[in-house]
Each structure stands twice: as C-alpha cells, then as structure tokens.
Amino acid sequence: MVKYGLDYTRCRWILPLLLGIGVIFGIIALAGRGWLESQTLPYVQQASLWQNCRRPDQGGEWSCESLMGYAWGRAAAATYLVGFLLLVICFALAIIAFAIDTLRFNFIRGIGGLLFVAAVFSIMGLVIYPVKFSTEIEMTGINMFSWAYGFGWTTAIMEICLGFFFCCLPNYEDQILGNVKPTYFYSSP
C-alpha cells in the first residue's frame, strides 16, 4: 500500500472497508442473542445485551426478562452503544477522508484518535456485562459467553488496530504521496 500510495485505486479503500466490516460485526453483536448460552443439554438459558431468557426444561416456553431493569445492564448497553456509534461516525469520516483527492492527514489522525475512544467505550461495556451478569443473575447449568459476545470483542479489537493504522498513516505522508526520491542500491564501478 505504501509502495503505490493511497492513489492506487485498490489500496485506497482498504481502511474504510475494514471499518465497514467492524460496523457489521458491531451490528451482529448488538442484535445477537448469543451473548450467553447454555453449554450443554438441556439448553435452558440464553442472553443478549438487552435481555435474559430461560426455560424450565428442553420443551418448555422461554421466559425473558429485560436487563434494562438493572443499572449495570443499562451501563453495559449504553457504553457499548456509544462505542458503536463512534465507530459508525469514524466509518463515515473515513469515507469522506478517502473520497477527497487530496488527503488531509491530520483529519485521518483524528479518526484514529476517535477509534481509540470508541474502543475504550466498547471494552467498558464488554467488561461490565460478564462481571455483573455472573454475580447478580442466577445461572442454571453450565453456561458460556458465546458468539455474539465474541463479535463484540472482535469489534473492539478492530477499533484498536484500525486506530493504530489511522494514527500512523500520516507518518508516511511523503512516501504515500510520492514525494520521496527513490534510493538505489547499485553503485557503478
């Protein structure tokens, strides 16, 4: 990417594309019902960021209670949601930044800083949820934090990694724009 510069059409959109994938993973985490699930038969418990559902036996009806009745449930949902909204804002700003012909490298570094803030909020929600859920809600059987919770962590890790990329990209401004004289390692006799 640095060799051809960000004007190289296939490389220019890699970072916004990765941010878009992070947004999709965040949507899956927010909407998914697999934050906590029963690990073994009978499957009697399933929880999302928003509610906890249980059933008395394998064939029974699910009864759900909202986690928004707990202060920690509202805190976990709010902090993860703020992190997700900041990620969406960074995605929109990245599309604007890379659509402009002349890149504004300080603008790109600001997107990286905002991604770090988004990661902090996401991680706060991802830590509050399991700690308070396992201490305040009675769990039956063997349970595990499952796929939707994993998508939440994947989103947070992507925010951190992409924050580094966006912050470090302006350090290579001359190489990206082609302002560096090439160095040749051949010397004539």
Protein backbone atom coordinates (compact mmCIF):
# COMPACT_ATOMS: atom_id res chain seq x y z
CA MET A 1 0.00 0.00 0.00
CA VAL A 2 2.84 2.39 0.84
CA LYS A 3 4.72 1.40 -2.33
CA TYR A 4 1.91 2.52 -4.65
CA GLY A 5 0.47 5.25 -2.44
CA LEU A 6 -3.12 5.82 -1.49
CA ASP A 7 -3.88 6.94 -5.04
CA TYR A 8 -3.59 3.32 -6.07
CA THR A 9 -7.29 2.59 -6.53
CA ARG A 10 -7.40 -0.86 -4.96
CA CYS A 11 -5.46 0.14 -1.83
CA ARG A 12 -7.19 3.43 -1.16
CA TRP A 13 -10.36 1.88 0.26
CA ILE A 14 -8.85 -0.87 2.42
CA LEU A 15 -9.09 1.05 5.72
CA PRO A 16 -12.68 2.27 5.18
CA LEU A 17 -13.61 -1.27 4.10
CA LEU A 18 -12.18 -2.69 7.33
CA LEU A 19 -14.12 -0.07 9.29
CA GLY A 20 -17.27 -1.17 7.44
CA ILE A 21 -16.60 -4.77 8.44
CA GLY A 22 -16.20 -3.58 12.04
CA VAL A 23 -19.59 -1.84 11.81
CA ILE A 24 -21.19 -5.07 10.54
CA PHE A 25 -19.63 -7.03 13.41
CA GLY A 26 -20.93 -4.40 15.86
CA ILE A 27 -24.45 -4.74 14.46
CA ILE A 28 -24.24 -8.51 14.87
CA ALA A 29 -23.11 -8.08 18.48
CA LEU A 30 -25.89 -5.60 19.27
CA ALA A 31 -28.64 -7.68 17.68
CA GLY A 32 -27.36 -11.15 18.53
CA ARG A 33 -28.99 -13.32 21.17
CA GLY A 34 -25.83 -15.28 21.84
CA TRP A 35 -24.02 -13.23 24.47
CA LEU A 36 -24.51 -16.03 26.99
CA GLU A 37 -25.84 -19.50 26.24
CA SER A 38 -26.16 -22.87 27.91
CA GLN A 39 -23.21 -25.02 27.01
CA THR A 40 -24.77 -28.45 27.46
CA LEU A 41 -28.19 -30.08 27.19
CA PRO A 42 -30.78 -29.12 28.27
CA TYR A 43 -30.41 -25.64 26.76
CA VAL A 44 -32.19 -23.59 29.39
CA GLN A 45 -30.54 -20.15 29.30
CA GLN A 46 -29.82 -17.62 26.58
CA ALA A 47 -28.98 -13.95 26.98
CA SER A 48 -28.31 -10.96 24.78
CA LEU A 49 -27.09 -7.49 25.64
CA TRP A 50 -30.70 -6.50 26.21
CA GLN A 51 -32.45 -9.46 27.88
CA ASN A 52 -32.01 -12.78 29.64
CA CYS A 53 -34.21 -15.72 28.63
CA ARG A 54 -34.70 -19.09 30.36
CA ARG A 55 -36.92 -22.09 30.13
CA PRO A 56 -37.57 -24.74 32.74
CA ASP A 57 -36.84 -27.74 30.53
CA GLN A 58 -35.97 -28.69 26.95
CA GLY A 59 -39.51 -28.42 25.56
CA GLY A 60 -40.81 -25.52 27.68
CA GLU A 61 -41.55 -21.93 26.75
CA TRP A 62 -38.86 -19.27 27.04
CA SER A 63 -39.50 -16.57 29.64
CA CYS A 64 -37.46 -13.41 29.17
CA GLU A 65 -36.62 -10.53 31.47
CA SER A 66 -35.10 -7.26 30.39
CA LEU A 67 -31.60 -6.44 31.58
CA MET A 68 -32.50 -2.75 31.35
CA GLY A 69 -34.07 -3.08 34.81
CA TYR A 70 -30.57 -3.39 36.26
CA ALA A 71 -28.27 -0.37 36.49
CA TRP A 72 -25.34 -2.44 35.24
CA GLY A 73 -27.42 -3.65 32.27
CA ARG A 74 -28.14 -0.08 31.24
CA ALA A 75 -24.47 0.84 31.77
CA ALA A 76 -23.18 -2.08 29.69
CA ALA A 77 -25.65 -1.38 26.87
CA ALA A 78 -25.01 2.37 26.91
CA THR A 79 -21.21 2.14 26.88
CA TYR A 80 -21.16 -0.49 24.13
CA LEU A 81 -23.71 1.51 22.12
CA VAL A 82 -21.66 4.73 22.47
CA GLY A 83 -18.58 2.85 21.25
CA PHE A 84 -20.57 1.50 18.30
CA LEU A 85 -21.92 4.96 17.38
CA LEU A 86 -18.39 6.39 17.47
CA LEU A 87 -17.32 3.55 15.15
CA VAL A 88 -20.11 4.46 12.72
CA ILE A 89 -19.02 8.12 12.83
CA CYS A 90 -15.42 7.07 12.13
CA PHE A 91 -16.63 4.97 9.20
CA ALA A 92 -18.48 7.96 7.71
CA LEU A 93 -15.48 10.26 8.28
CA ALA A 94 -13.12 7.73 6.70
CA ILE A 95 -15.28 7.53 3.57
CA ILE A 96 -15.24 11.33 3.37
CA ALA A 97 -11.46 11.50 4.01
CA PHE A 98 -10.56 8.92 1.38
CA ALA A 99 -13.04 10.21 -1.20
CA ILE A 100 -11.28 13.59 -1.36
CA ASP A 101 -8.46 13.62 -3.91
CA THR A 102 -6.02 15.42 -1.62
CA LEU A 103 -5.82 13.58 1.66
CA ARG A 104 -5.91 15.58 4.86
CA PHE A 105 -3.52 13.62 7.06
CA ASN A 106 -4.38 15.45 10.28
CA PHE A 107 -8.02 14.56 9.64
CA ILE A 108 -7.01 10.90 9.29
CA ARG A 109 -5.08 11.04 12.57
CA GLY A 110 -8.22 12.45 14.25
CA ILE A 111 -10.19 9.45 13.02
CA GLY A 112 -7.57 7.21 14.66
CA GLY A 113 -7.93 9.05 17.97
CA LEU A 114 -11.71 8.73 17.80
CA LEU A 115 -11.34 4.99 17.16
CA PHE A 116 -9.33 4.65 20.38
CA VAL A 117 -12.12 6.42 22.28
CA ALA A 118 -14.66 4.07 20.67
CA ALA A 119 -12.55 1.09 21.73
CA VAL A 120 -12.48 2.31 25.34
CA PHE A 121 -16.27 2.58 25.46
CA SER A 122 -16.75 -0.81 23.78
CA ILE A 123 -14.35 -2.54 26.15
CA MET A 124 -16.05 -0.96 29.17
CA GLY A 125 -19.38 -2.44 28.07
CA LEU A 126 -17.79 -5.80 27.28
CA VAL A 127 -16.22 -5.98 30.76
CA ILE A 128 -19.23 -4.73 32.75
CA TYR A 129 -21.58 -7.28 31.16
CA PRO A 130 -19.97 -10.61 32.18
CA VAL A 131 -18.77 -9.44 35.59
CA LYS A 132 -22.15 -8.17 36.74
CA PHE A 133 -24.20 -10.79 34.88
CA SER A 134 -22.40 -13.68 36.55
CA THR A 135 -22.63 -12.13 40.02
CA GLU A 136 -26.19 -10.77 40.00
CA ILE A 137 -28.18 -13.21 37.87
CA GLU A 138 -28.65 -16.81 38.90
CA MET A 139 -27.38 -19.09 36.18
CA THR A 140 -28.52 -22.69 35.84
CA GLY A 141 -26.38 -25.38 34.27
CA ILE A 142 -23.08 -24.80 32.52
CA ASN A 143 -23.06 -21.55 30.55
CA MET A 144 -20.61 -19.87 28.20
CA PHE A 145 -20.21 -16.45 26.69
CA SER A 146 -20.94 -17.18 23.08
CA TRP A 147 -20.76 -15.97 19.51
CA ALA A 148 -22.41 -12.53 19.75
CA TYR A 149 -20.18 -11.64 22.70
CA GLY A 150 -17.23 -12.75 20.55
CA PHE A 151 -18.35 -10.42 17.76
CA GLY A 152 -18.37 -7.59 20.32
CA TRP A 153 -14.76 -8.34 21.25
CA THR A 154 -13.81 -8.61 17.58
CA THR A 155 -15.26 -5.15 17.00
CA ALA A 156 -13.27 -3.72 19.93
CA ILE A 157 -10.03 -5.31 18.71
CA MET A 158 -10.65 -3.97 15.21
CA GLU A 159 -11.18 -0.47 16.66
CA ILE A 160 -7.81 -0.64 18.41
CA CYS A 161 -5.91 -2.00 15.41
CA LEU A 162 -7.50 0.41 12.94
CA GLY A 163 -6.85 3.26 15.37
CA PHE A 164 -3.14 2.46 15.12
CA PHE A 165 -3.29 2.36 11.34
CA PHE A 166 -5.13 5.68 11.11
CA CYS A 167 -2.75 7.34 13.58
CA CYS A 168 0.42 6.01 11.95
CA LEU A 169 -0.58 6.63 8.32
CA PRO A 170 0.33 10.36 8.39
CA ASN A 171 3.91 9.42 9.38
CA TYR A 172 4.34 8.05 5.85
CA GLU A 173 2.81 11.06 4.10
CA ASP A 174 5.79 11.66 1.79
CA GLN A 175 6.00 8.01 0.74
CA ILE A 176 2.26 7.82 0.12
CA LEU A 177 2.19 11.00 -1.95
CA GLY A 178 5.33 10.01 -3.88
CA ASN A 179 7.50 12.90 -2.66
CA VAL A 180 10.49 10.73 -1.72
CA LYS A 181 13.38 10.27 -4.11
CA PRO A 182 13.96 6.54 -4.71
CA THR A 183 17.11 5.01 -3.27
CA TYR A 184 19.10 2.71 -5.49
CA PHE A 185 21.47 0.18 -4.02
CA TYR A 186 23.54 -0.28 -7.17
CA SER A 187 26.81 1.57 -7.38
CA SER A 188 28.81 1.88 -10.58
CA PRO A 189 32.47 0.71 -10.64
